[in-house]
Each structure stands twice: as structure tokens, then as C-alpha cells.
Amino acid sequence: VERQKTAADPTKADVVVAAGRGFAAEEDLQKARDLAAKLGGAIACS
């Protein structure tokens, strides 16, 4: 079963926006996604 990627690959991106425990709510992750999109990058996390 091929594993489906759910986002841009951070191992190949020039810019990575990584989110950590400082995000109090799951919906706040959109702020990281928005910045990554603006910079043409990918998201990652701890």
C-alpha cells in the first residue's frame, strides 16, 4: 500500500516552518501553514 503524503515534503523544501508545543490548539497550525505557503515552503513539527 503506497503511503500517501499529506503535505509538501519538508526534506526537499528551501524553507520549513516547524510547529511545536507552543501551539495551544490544532486550528492555530493554520498560522504556520499560511507562513509556509507565503514563503513557498513546507511545514514540519516537533
ModelCIF file with pLDDT and N, C-alpha, C, O atoms, coordinates in Angstrom:
data_MODEL
#
_entry.id   MODEL 
#
_entity.id                         1 
_entity.type                       polymer 
_entity.pdbx_number_of_molecules   1 
#
_entity_poly.entity_id                      1 
_entity_poly.type                           'polypeptide(L)' 
_entity_poly.nstd_linkage                   no 
_entity_poly.nstd_monomer                   no 
_entity_poly.pdbx_seq_one_letter_code       VERQKTAADPTKADVVVAAGRGFAAEEDLQKARDLAAKLGGAIACS 
_entity_poly.pdbx_seq_one_letter_code_can   VERQKTAADPTKADVVVAAGRGFAAEEDLQKARDLAAKLGGAIACS 
_entity_poly.pdbx_strand_id                 A 
#
loop_
_entity_poly_seq.entity_id 
_entity_poly_seq.num 
_entity_poly_seq.mon_id 
_entity_poly_seq.hetero 
1 1  VAL n 
1 2  GLU n 
1 3  ARG n 
1 4  GLN n 
1 5  LYS n 
1 6  THR n 
1 7  ALA n 
1 8  ALA n 
1 9  ASP n 
1 10 PRO n 
1 11 THR n 
1 12 LYS n 
1 13 ALA n 
1 14 ASP n 
1 15 VAL n 
1 16 VAL n 
1 17 VAL n 
1 18 ALA n 
1 19 ALA n 
1 20 GLY n 
1 21 ARG n 
1 22 GLY n 
1 23 PHE n 
1 24 ALA n 
1 25 ALA n 
1 26 GLU n 
1 27 GLU n 
1 28 ASP n 
1 29 LEU n 
1 30 GLN n 
1 31 LYS n 
1 32 ALA n 
1 33 ARG n 
1 34 ASP n 
1 35 LEU n 
1 36 ALA n 
1 37 ALA n 
1 38 LYS n 
1 39 LEU n 
1 40 GLY n 
1 41 GLY n 
1 42 ALA n 
1 43 ILE n 
1 44 ALA n 
1 45 CYS n 
1 46 SER n 
#
_struct_asym.id          A 
_struct_asym.entity_id   1 
#
loop_
_ma_qa_metric.id 
_ma_qa_metric.mode 
_ma_qa_metric.name 
_ma_qa_metric.software_group_id 
_ma_qa_metric.type 
1 global pLDDT . pLDDT 
2 local  pLDDT . pLDDT 
#
_ma_qa_metric_global.metric_id      1 
_ma_qa_metric_global.metric_value   89.48 
_ma_qa_metric_global.model_id       1 
_ma_qa_metric_global.ordinal_id     1 
#
loop_
_ma_qa_metric_local.label_asym_id 
_ma_qa_metric_local.label_comp_id 
_ma_qa_metric_local.label_seq_id 
_ma_qa_metric_local.metric_id 
_ma_qa_metric_local.metric_value 
_ma_qa_metric_local.model_id 
_ma_qa_metric_local.ordinal_id 
A VAL 1  2 79.00 1 1  
A GLU 2  2 73.00 1 2  
A ARG 3  2 64.00 1 3  
A GLN 4  2 64.00 1 4  
A LYS 5  2 63.00 1 5  
A THR 6  2 61.00 1 6  
A ALA 7  2 67.00 1 7  
A ALA 8  2 80.00 1 8  
A ASP 9  2 87.00 1 9  
A PRO 10 2 91.00 1 10 
A THR 11 2 90.00 1 11 
A LYS 12 2 91.00 1 12 
A ALA 13 2 92.00 1 13 
A ASP 14 2 95.00 1 14 
A VAL 15 2 96.00 1 15 
A VAL 16 2 96.00 1 16 
A VAL 17 2 97.00 1 17 
A ALA 18 2 96.00 1 18 
A ALA 19 2 96.00 1 19 
A GLY 20 2 94.00 1 20 
A ARG 21 2 92.00 1 21 
A GLY 22 2 93.00 1 22 
A PHE 23 2 94.00 1 23 
A ALA 24 2 91.00 1 24 
A ALA 25 2 93.00 1 25 
A GLU 26 2 93.00 1 26 
A GLU 27 2 94.00 1 27 
A ASP 28 2 94.00 1 28 
A LEU 29 2 94.00 1 29 
A GLN 30 2 95.00 1 30 
A LYS 31 2 96.00 1 31 
A ALA 32 2 95.00 1 32 
A ARG 33 2 94.00 1 33 
A ASP 34 2 95.00 1 34 
A LEU 35 2 95.00 1 35 
A ALA 36 2 95.00 1 36 
A ALA 37 2 93.00 1 37 
A LYS 38 2 94.00 1 38 
A LEU 39 2 95.00 1 39 
A GLY 40 2 93.00 1 40 
A GLY 41 2 94.00 1 41 
A ALA 42 2 94.00 1 42 
A ILE 43 2 95.00 1 43 
A ALA 44 2 95.00 1 44 
A CYS 45 2 94.00 1 45 
A SER 46 2 94.00 1 46 
#
loop_
_atom_site.group_PDB 
_atom_site.id 
_atom_site.type_symbol 
_atom_site.label_atom_id 
_atom_site.label_alt_id 
_atom_site.label_comp_id 
_atom_site.label_asym_id 
_atom_site.label_entity_id 
_atom_site.label_seq_id 
_atom_site.pdbx_PDB_ins_code 
_atom_site.Cartn_x 
_atom_site.Cartn_y 
_atom_site.Cartn_z 
_atom_site.occupancy 
_atom_site.B_iso_or_equiv 
_atom_site.pdbx_formal_charge 
_atom_site.auth_seq_id 
_atom_site.auth_comp_id 
_atom_site.auth_asym_id 
_atom_site.auth_atom_id 
_atom_site.pdbx_PDB_model_num 
ATOM 1   N N  . VAL A 1 1  ? 0.873  -1.162 0.000  1.00 79.00 ? 1  VAL A N  1 
ATOM 2   C CA . VAL A 1 1  ? 0.000  0.000  0.000  1.00 79.00 ? 1  VAL A CA 1 
ATOM 3   C C  . VAL A 1 1  ? 0.914  1.216  0.000  1.00 79.00 ? 1  VAL A C  1 
ATOM 4   O O  . VAL A 1 1  ? 1.692  1.413  0.933  1.00 79.00 ? 1  VAL A O  1 
ATOM 5   N N  . GLU A 1 2  ? 0.819  2.033  -1.046 1.00 73.00 ? 2  GLU A N  1 
ATOM 6   C CA . GLU A 1 2  ? 1.666  3.216  -1.112 1.00 73.00 ? 2  GLU A CA 1 
ATOM 7   C C  . GLU A 1 2  ? 1.208  4.227  -0.076 1.00 73.00 ? 2  GLU A C  1 
ATOM 8   O O  . GLU A 1 2  ? 0.019  4.525  0.039  1.00 73.00 ? 2  GLU A O  1 
ATOM 9   N N  . ARG A 1 3  ? 2.162  4.745  0.672  1.00 64.00 ? 3  ARG A N  1 
ATOM 10  C CA . ARG A 1 3  ? 1.863  5.725  1.706  1.00 64.00 ? 3  ARG A CA 1 
ATOM 11  C C  . ARG A 1 3  ? 1.619  7.074  1.050  1.00 64.00 ? 3  ARG A C  1 
ATOM 12  O O  . ARG A 1 3  ? 2.459  7.561  0.294  1.00 64.00 ? 3  ARG A O  1 
ATOM 13  N N  . GLN A 1 4  ? 0.489  7.670  1.333  1.00 64.00 ? 4  GLN A N  1 
ATOM 14  C CA . GLN A 1 4  ? 0.120  8.954  0.755  1.00 64.00 ? 4  GLN A CA 1 
ATOM 15  C C  . GLN A 1 4  ? 0.758  10.089 1.552  1.00 64.00 ? 4  GLN A C  1 
ATOM 16  O O  . GLN A 1 4  ? 0.643  10.136 2.777  1.00 64.00 ? 4  GLN A O  1 
ATOM 17  N N  . LYS A 1 5  ? 1.421  10.989 0.862  1.00 63.00 ? 5  LYS A N  1 
ATOM 18  C CA . LYS A 1 5  ? 1.971  12.178 1.509  1.00 63.00 ? 5  LYS A CA 1 
ATOM 19  C C  . LYS A 1 5  ? 0.818  13.143 1.771  1.00 63.00 ? 5  LYS A C  1 
ATOM 20  O O  . LYS A 1 5  ? -0.074 13.303 0.939  1.00 63.00 ? 5  LYS A O  1 
ATOM 21  N N  . THR A 1 6  ? 0.850  13.775 2.927  1.00 61.00 ? 6  THR A N  1 
ATOM 22  C CA . THR A 1 6  ? -0.244 14.665 3.291  1.00 61.00 ? 6  THR A CA 1 
ATOM 23  C C  . THR A 1 6  ? 0.119  16.137 3.154  1.00 61.00 ? 6  THR A C  1 
ATOM 24  O O  . THR A 1 6  ? -0.738 17.003 3.331  1.00 61.00 ? 6  THR A O  1 
ATOM 25  N N  . ALA A 1 7  ? 1.364  16.430 2.844  1.00 67.00 ? 7  ALA A N  1 
ATOM 26  C CA . ALA A 1 7  ? 1.801  17.825 2.734  1.00 67.00 ? 7  ALA A CA 1 
ATOM 27  C C  . ALA A 1 7  ? 3.052  17.882 1.871  1.00 67.00 ? 7  ALA A C  1 
ATOM 28  O O  . ALA A 1 7  ? 3.599  16.852 1.477  1.00 67.00 ? 7  ALA A O  1 
ATOM 29  N N  . ALA A 1 8  ? 3.496  19.106 1.582  1.00 80.00 ? 8  ALA A N  1 
ATOM 30  C CA . ALA A 1 8  ? 4.755  19.276 0.851  1.00 80.00 ? 8  ALA A CA 1 
ATOM 31  C C  . ALA A 1 8  ? 5.874  18.613 1.659  1.00 80.00 ? 8  ALA A C  1 
ATOM 32  O O  . ALA A 1 8  ? 5.848  18.628 2.890  1.00 80.00 ? 8  ALA A O  1 
ATOM 33  N N  . ASP A 1 9  ? 6.828  18.047 0.980  1.00 87.00 ? 9  ASP A N  1 
ATOM 34  C CA . ASP A 1 9  ? 7.906  17.311 1.622  1.00 87.00 ? 9  ASP A CA 1 
ATOM 35  C C  . ASP A 1 9  ? 8.932  18.273 2.227  1.00 87.00 ? 9  ASP A C  1 
ATOM 36  O O  . ASP A 1 9  ? 9.648  18.948 1.488  1.00 87.00 ? 9  ASP A O  1 
ATOM 37  N N  . PRO A 1 10 ? 9.013  18.346 3.556  1.00 91.00 ? 10 PRO A N  1 
ATOM 38  C CA . PRO A 1 10 ? 9.954  19.275 4.178  1.00 91.00 ? 10 PRO A CA 1 
ATOM 39  C C  . PRO A 1 10 ? 11.419 18.907 3.947  1.00 91.00 ? 10 PRO A C  1 
ATOM 40  O O  . PRO A 1 10 ? 12.294 19.755 4.123  1.00 91.00 ? 10 PRO A O  1 
ATOM 41  N N  . THR A 1 11 ? 11.707 17.665 3.556  1.00 90.00 ? 11 THR A N  1 
ATOM 42  C CA . THR A 1 11 ? 13.095 17.279 3.303  1.00 90.00 ? 11 THR A CA 1 
ATOM 43  C C  . THR A 1 11 ? 13.606 17.831 1.987  1.00 90.00 ? 11 THR A C  1 
ATOM 44  O O  . THR A 1 11 ? 14.810 17.802 1.731  1.00 90.00 ? 11 THR A O  1 
ATOM 45  N N  . LYS A 1 12 ? 12.704 18.338 1.141  1.00 91.00 ? 12 LYS A N  1 
ATOM 46  C CA . LYS A 1 12 ? 13.096 18.882 -0.158 1.00 91.00 ? 12 LYS A CA 1 
ATOM 47  C C  . LYS A 1 12 ? 12.841 20.386 -0.277 1.00 91.00 ? 12 LYS A C  1 
ATOM 48  O O  . LYS A 1 12 ? 13.126 20.980 -1.317 1.00 91.00 ? 12 LYS A O  1 
ATOM 49  N N  . ALA A 1 13 ? 12.312 21.001 0.772  1.00 92.00 ? 13 ALA A N  1 
ATOM 50  C CA . ALA A 1 13 ? 11.930 22.412 0.730  1.00 92.00 ? 13 ALA A CA 1 
ATOM 51  C C  . ALA A 1 13 ? 13.099 23.334 1.086  1.00 92.00 ? 13 ALA A C  1 
ATOM 52  O O  . ALA A 1 13 ? 13.958 22.977 1.892  1.00 92.00 ? 13 ALA A O  1 
ATOM 53  N N  . ASP A 1 14 ? 13.122 24.525 0.475  1.00 95.00 ? 14 ASP A N  1 
ATOM 54  C CA . ASP A 1 14 ? 14.125 25.539 0.812  1.00 95.00 ? 14 ASP A CA 1 
ATOM 55  C C  . ASP A 1 14 ? 13.772 26.276 2.105  1.00 95.00 ? 14 ASP A C  1 
ATOM 56  O O  . ASP A 1 14 ? 14.642 26.814 2.789  1.00 95.00 ? 14 ASP A O  1 
ATOM 57  N N  . VAL A 1 15 ? 12.478 26.287 2.421  1.00 96.00 ? 15 VAL A N  1 
ATOM 58  C CA . VAL A 1 15 ? 12.001 26.926 3.650  1.00 96.00 ? 15 VAL A CA 1 
ATOM 59  C C  . VAL A 1 15 ? 11.103 25.936 4.376  1.00 96.00 ? 15 VAL A C  1 
ATOM 60  O O  . VAL A 1 15 ? 10.219 25.329 3.770  1.00 96.00 ? 15 VAL A O  1 
ATOM 61  N N  . VAL A 1 16 ? 11.331 25.773 5.680  1.00 96.00 ? 16 VAL A N  1 
ATOM 62  C CA . VAL A 1 16 ? 10.493 24.905 6.502  1.00 96.00 ? 16 VAL A CA 1 
ATOM 63  C C  . VAL A 1 16 ? 10.003 25.714 7.692  1.00 96.00 ? 16 VAL A C  1 
ATOM 64  O O  . VAL A 1 16 ? 10.790 26.341 8.401  1.00 96.00 ? 16 VAL A O  1 
ATOM 65  N N  . VAL A 1 17 ? 8.701  25.692 7.900  1.00 97.00 ? 17 VAL A N  1 
ATOM 66  C CA . VAL A 1 17 ? 8.088  26.310 9.079  1.00 97.00 ? 17 VAL A CA 1 
ATOM 67  C C  . VAL A 1 17 ? 7.670  25.162 9.985  1.00 97.00 ? 17 VAL A C  1 
ATOM 68  O O  . VAL A 1 17 ? 6.760  24.403 9.651  1.00 97.00 ? 17 VAL A O  1 
ATOM 69  N N  . ALA A 1 18 ? 8.330  25.034 11.129 1.00 96.00 ? 18 ALA A N  1 
ATOM 70  C CA . ALA A 1 18 ? 8.075  23.929 12.042 1.00 96.00 ? 18 ALA A CA 1 
ATOM 71  C C  . ALA A 1 18 ? 7.296  24.405 13.257 1.00 96.00 ? 18 ALA A C  1 
ATOM 72  O O  . ALA A 1 18 ? 7.599  25.444 13.843 1.00 96.00 ? 18 ALA A O  1 
ATOM 73  N N  . ALA A 1 19 ? 6.289  23.625 13.623 1.00 96.00 ? 19 ALA A N  1 
ATOM 74  C CA . ALA A 1 19 ? 5.432  23.947 14.758 1.00 96.00 ? 19 ALA A CA 1 
ATOM 75  C C  . ALA A 1 19 ? 5.765  23.047 15.940 1.00 96.00 ? 19 ALA A C  1 
ATOM 76  O O  . ALA A 1 19 ? 6.093  21.872 15.775 1.00 96.00 ? 19 ALA A O  1 
ATOM 77  N N  . GLY A 1 20 ? 5.675  23.623 17.137 1.00 94.00 ? 20 GLY A N  1 
ATOM 78  C CA . GLY A 1 20 ? 5.954  22.867 18.350 1.00 94.00 ? 20 GLY A CA 1 
ATOM 79  C C  . GLY A 1 20 ? 4.846  22.988 19.373 1.00 94.00 ? 20 GLY A C  1 
ATOM 80  O O  . GLY A 1 20 ? 3.727  23.392 19.058 1.00 94.00 ? 20 GLY A O  1 
ATOM 81  N N  . ARG A 1 21 ? 5.172  22.634 20.597 1.00 92.00 ? 21 ARG A N  1 
ATOM 82  C CA . ARG A 1 21 ? 4.191  22.655 21.688 1.00 92.00 ? 21 ARG A CA 1 
ATOM 83  C C  . ARG A 1 21 ? 3.636  24.044 21.999 1.00 92.00 ? 21 ARG A C  1 
ATOM 84  O O  . ARG A 1 21 ? 2.648  24.169 22.723 1.00 92.00 ? 21 ARG A O  1 
ATOM 85  N N  . GLY A 1 22 ? 4.258  25.075 21.464 1.00 93.00 ? 22 GLY A N  1 
ATOM 86  C CA . GLY A 1 22 ? 3.755  26.425 21.680 1.00 93.00 ? 22 GLY A CA 1 
ATOM 87  C C  . GLY A 1 22 ? 2.401  26.653 21.024 1.00 93.00 ? 22 GLY A C  1 
ATOM 88  O O  . GLY A 1 22 ? 1.739  27.651 21.308 1.00 93.00 ? 22 GLY A O  1 
ATOM 89  N N  . PHE A 1 23 ? 1.984  25.753 20.162 1.00 94.00 ? 23 PHE A N  1 
ATOM 90  C CA . PHE A 1 23 ? 0.655  25.840 19.553 1.00 94.00 ? 23 PHE A CA 1 
ATOM 91  C C  . PHE A 1 23 ? -0.340 25.217 20.512 1.00 94.00 ? 23 PHE A C  1 
ATOM 92  O O  . PHE A 1 23 ? -0.298 24.016 20.779 1.00 94.00 ? 23 PHE A O  1 
ATOM 93  N N  . ALA A 1 24 ? -1.235 26.046 21.025 1.00 91.00 ? 24 ALA A N  1 
ATOM 94  C CA . ALA A 1 24 ? -2.166 25.597 22.052 1.00 91.00 ? 24 ALA A CA 1 
ATOM 95  C C  . ALA A 1 24 ? -3.363 24.846 21.476 1.00 91.00 ? 24 ALA A C  1 
ATOM 96  O O  . ALA A 1 24 ? -3.969 24.026 22.164 1.00 91.00 ? 24 ALA A O  1 
ATOM 97  N N  . ALA A 1 25 ? -3.704 25.120 20.224 1.00 93.00 ? 25 ALA A N  1 
ATOM 98  C CA . ALA A 1 25 ? -4.870 24.491 19.614 1.00 93.00 ? 25 ALA A CA 1 
ATOM 99  C C  . ALA A 1 25 ? -4.543 24.079 18.180 1.00 93.00 ? 25 ALA A C  1 
ATOM 100 O O  . ALA A 1 25 ? -3.755 24.734 17.498 1.00 93.00 ? 25 ALA A O  1 
ATOM 101 N N  . GLU A 1 26 ? -5.155 22.996 17.738 1.00 93.00 ? 26 GLU A N  1 
ATOM 102 C CA . GLU A 1 26 ? -4.880 22.476 16.398 1.00 93.00 ? 26 GLU A CA 1 
ATOM 103 C C  . GLU A 1 26 ? -5.190 23.505 15.310 1.00 93.00 ? 26 GLU A C  1 
ATOM 104 O O  . GLU A 1 26 ? -4.481 23.573 14.306 1.00 93.00 ? 26 GLU A O  1 
ATOM 105 N N  . GLU A 1 27 ? -6.228 24.294 15.499 1.00 94.00 ? 27 GLU A N  1 
ATOM 106 C CA . GLU A 1 27 ? -6.586 25.295 14.483 1.00 94.00 ? 27 GLU A CA 1 
ATOM 107 C C  . GLU A 1 27 ? -5.525 26.389 14.334 1.00 94.00 ? 27 GLU A C  1 
ATOM 108 O O  . GLU A 1 27 ? -5.460 27.052 13.299 1.00 94.00 ? 27 GLU A O  1 
ATOM 109 N N  . ASP A 1 28 ? -4.694 26.577 15.364 1.00 94.00 ? 28 ASP A N  1 
ATOM 110 C CA . ASP A 1 28 ? -3.612 27.568 15.282 1.00 94.00 ? 28 ASP A CA 1 
ATOM 111 C C  . ASP A 1 28 ? -2.525 27.155 14.290 1.00 94.00 ? 28 ASP A C  1 
ATOM 112 O O  . ASP A 1 28 ? -1.737 27.994 13.852 1.00 94.00 ? 28 ASP A O  1 
ATOM 113 N N  . LEU A 1 29 ? -2.475 25.870 13.933 1.00 94.00 ? 29 LEU A N  1 
ATOM 114 C CA . LEU A 1 29 ? -1.490 25.398 12.958 1.00 94.00 ? 29 LEU A CA 1 
ATOM 115 C C  . LEU A 1 29 ? -1.674 26.070 11.598 1.00 94.00 ? 29 LEU A C  1 
ATOM 116 O O  . LEU A 1 29 ? -0.748 26.107 10.788 1.00 94.00 ? 29 LEU A O  1 
ATOM 117 N N  . GLN A 1 30 ? -2.867 26.598 11.354 1.00 95.00 ? 30 GLN A N  1 
ATOM 118 C CA . GLN A 1 30 ? -3.101 27.296 10.087 1.00 95.00 ? 30 GLN A CA 1 
ATOM 119 C C  . GLN A 1 30 ? -2.165 28.497 9.940  1.00 95.00 ? 30 GLN A C  1 
ATOM 120 O O  . GLN A 1 30 ? -1.796 28.861 8.824  1.00 95.00 ? 30 GLN A O  1 
ATOM 121 N N  . LYS A 1 31 ? -1.785 29.106 11.052 1.00 96.00 ? 31 LYS A N  1 
ATOM 122 C CA . LYS A 1 31 ? -0.844 30.235 11.005 1.00 96.00 ? 31 LYS A CA 1 
ATOM 123 C C  . LYS A 1 31 ? 0.510  29.788 10.454 1.00 96.00 ? 31 LYS A C  1 
ATOM 124 O O  . LYS A 1 31 ? 1.140  30.515 9.686  1.00 96.00 ? 31 LYS A O  1 
ATOM 125 N N  . ALA A 1 32 ? 0.953  28.604 10.843 1.00 95.00 ? 32 ALA A N  1 
ATOM 126 C CA . ALA A 1 32 ? 2.215  28.053 10.321 1.00 95.00 ? 32 ALA A CA 1 
ATOM 127 C C  . ALA A 1 32 ? 2.050  27.687 8.850  1.00 95.00 ? 32 ALA A C  1 
ATOM 128 O O  . ALA A 1 32 ? 2.949  27.932 8.045  1.00 95.00 ? 32 ALA A O  1 
ATOM 129 N N  . ARG A 1 33 ? 0.914  27.106 8.497  1.00 94.00 ? 33 ARG A N  1 
ATOM 130 C CA . ARG A 1 33 ? 0.659  26.743 7.092  1.00 94.00 ? 33 ARG A CA 1 
ATOM 131 C C  . ARG A 1 33 ? 0.628  27.989 6.206  1.00 94.00 ? 33 ARG A C  1 
ATOM 132 O O  . ARG A 1 33 ? 1.154  27.981 5.094  1.00 94.00 ? 33 ARG A O  1 
ATOM 133 N N  . ASP A 1 34 ? 0.010  29.050 6.707  1.00 95.00 ? 34 ASP A N  1 
ATOM 134 C CA . ASP A 1 34 ? -0.073 30.293 5.935  1.00 95.00 ? 34 ASP A CA 1 
ATOM 135 C C  . ASP A 1 34 ? 1.310  30.888 5.682  1.00 95.00 ? 34 ASP A C  1 
ATOM 136 O O  . ASP A 1 34 ? 1.601  31.336 4.573  1.00 95.00 ? 34 ASP A O  1 
ATOM 137 N N  . LEU A 1 35 ? 2.158  30.894 6.704  1.00 95.00 ? 35 LEU A N  1 
ATOM 138 C CA . LEU A 1 35 ? 3.507  31.430 6.541  1.00 95.00 ? 35 LEU A CA 1 
ATOM 139 C C  . LEU A 1 35 ? 4.313  30.559 5.575  1.00 95.00 ? 35 LEU A C  1 
ATOM 140 O O  . LEU A 1 35 ? 5.028  31.082 4.720  1.00 95.00 ? 35 LEU A O  1 
ATOM 141 N N  . ALA A 1 36 ? 4.202  29.252 5.704  1.00 95.00 ? 36 ALA A N  1 
ATOM 142 C CA . ALA A 1 36 ? 4.913  28.347 4.795  1.00 95.00 ? 36 ALA A CA 1 
ATOM 143 C C  . ALA A 1 36 ? 4.458  28.564 3.356  1.00 95.00 ? 36 ALA A C  1 
ATOM 144 O O  . ALA A 1 36 ? 5.279  28.575 2.438  1.00 95.00 ? 36 ALA A O  1 
ATOM 145 N N  . ALA A 1 37 ? 3.169  28.735 3.159  1.00 93.00 ? 37 ALA A N  1 
ATOM 146 C CA . ALA A 1 37 ? 2.637  28.958 1.807  1.00 93.00 ? 37 ALA A CA 1 
ATOM 147 C C  . ALA A 1 37 ? 3.150  30.279 1.240  1.00 93.00 ? 37 ALA A C  1 
ATOM 148 O O  . ALA A 1 37 ? 3.516  30.351 0.066  1.00 93.00 ? 37 ALA A O  1 
ATOM 149 N N  . LYS A 1 38 ? 3.179  31.312 2.058  1.00 94.00 ? 38 LYS A N  1 
ATOM 150 C CA . LYS A 1 38 ? 3.653  32.623 1.624  1.00 94.00 ? 38 LYS A CA 1 
ATOM 151 C C  . LYS A 1 38 ? 5.129  32.579 1.208  1.00 94.00 ? 38 LYS A C  1 
ATOM 152 O O  . LYS A 1 38 ? 5.550  33.299 0.303  1.00 94.00 ? 38 LYS A O  1 
ATOM 153 N N  . LEU A 1 39 ? 5.901  31.728 1.878  1.00 95.00 ? 39 LEU A N  1 
ATOM 154 C CA . LEU A 1 39 ? 7.332  31.609 1.604  1.00 95.00 ? 39 LEU A CA 1 
ATOM 155 C C  . LEU A 1 39 ? 7.650  30.510 0.591  1.00 95.00 ? 39 LEU A C  1 
ATOM 156 O O  . LEU A 1 39 ? 8.813  30.293 0.251  1.00 95.00 ? 39 LEU A O  1 
ATOM 157 N N  . GLY A 1 40 ? 6.615  29.819 0.110  1.00 93.00 ? 40 GLY A N  1 
ATOM 158 C CA . GLY A 1 40 ? 6.821  28.724 -0.831 1.00 93.00 ? 40 GLY A CA 1 
ATOM 159 C C  . GLY A 1 40 ? 7.505  27.532 -0.187 1.00 93.00 ? 40 GLY A C  1 
ATOM 160 O O  . GLY A 1 40 ? 8.250  26.805 -0.843 1.00 93.00 ? 40 GLY A O  1 
ATOM 161 N N  . GLY A 1 41 ? 7.253  27.335 1.081  1.00 94.00 ? 41 GLY A N  1 
ATOM 162 C CA . GLY A 1 41 ? 7.912  26.267 1.826  1.00 94.00 ? 41 GLY A CA 1 
ATOM 163 C C  . GLY A 1 41 ? 6.968  25.171 2.259  1.00 94.00 ? 41 GLY A C  1 
ATOM 164 O O  . GLY A 1 41 ? 5.859  25.035 1.743  1.00 94.00 ? 41 GLY A O  1 
ATOM 165 N N  . ALA A 1 42 ? 7.434  24.392 3.218  1.00 94.00 ? 42 ALA A N  1 
ATOM 166 C CA . ALA A 1 42 ? 6.687  23.258 3.746  1.00 94.00 ? 42 ALA A CA 1 
ATOM 167 C C  . ALA A 1 42 ? 6.578  23.394 5.258  1.00 94.00 ? 42 ALA A C  1 
ATOM 168 O O  . ALA A 1 42 ? 7.342  24.127 5.887  1.00 94.00 ? 42 ALA A O  1 
ATOM 169 N N  . ILE A 1 43 ? 5.621  22.680 5.826  1.00 95.00 ? 43 ILE A N  1 
ATOM 170 C CA . ILE A 1 43 ? 5.515  22.662 7.283  1.00 95.00 ? 43 ILE A CA 1 
ATOM 171 C C  . ILE A 1 43 ? 6.124  21.373 7.816  1.00 95.00 ? 43 ILE A C  1 
ATOM 172 O O  . ILE A 1 43 ? 6.218  20.364 7.116  1.00 95.00 ? 43 ILE A O  1 
ATOM 173 N N  . ALA A 1 44 ? 6.529  21.441 9.063  1.00 95.00 ? 44 ALA A N  1 
ATOM 174 C CA . ALA A 1 44 ? 7.056  20.297 9.793  1.00 95.00 ? 44 ALA A CA 1 
ATOM 175 C C  . ALA A 1 44 ? 6.659  20.510 11.248 1.00 95.00 ? 44 ALA A C  1 
ATOM 176 O O  . ALA A 1 44 ? 5.945  21.460 11.566 1.00 95.00 ? 44 ALA A O  1 
ATOM 177 N N  . CYS A 1 45 ? 7.119  19.631 12.126 1.00 94.00 ? 45 CYS A N  1 
ATOM 178 C CA . CYS A 1 45 ? 6.735  19.788 13.534 1.00 94.00 ? 45 CYS A CA 1 
ATOM 179 C C  . CYS A 1 45 ? 7.701  19.062 14.448 1.00 94.00 ? 45 CYS A C  1 
ATOM 180 O O  . CYS A 1 45 ? 8.587  18.333 14.001 1.00 94.00 ? 45 CYS A O  1 
ATOM 181 N N  . SER A 1 46 ? 7.508  19.278 15.737 1.00 94.00 ? 46 SER A N  1 
ATOM 182 C CA . SER A 1 46 ? 8.253  18.544 16.745 1.00 94.00 ? 46 SER A CA 1 
ATOM 183 C C  . SER A 1 46 ? 7.426  17.308 17.114 1.00 94.00 ? 46 SER A C  1 
ATOM 184 O O  . SER A 1 46 ? 7.843  16.514 17.957 1.00 94.00 ? 46 SER A O  1 
#
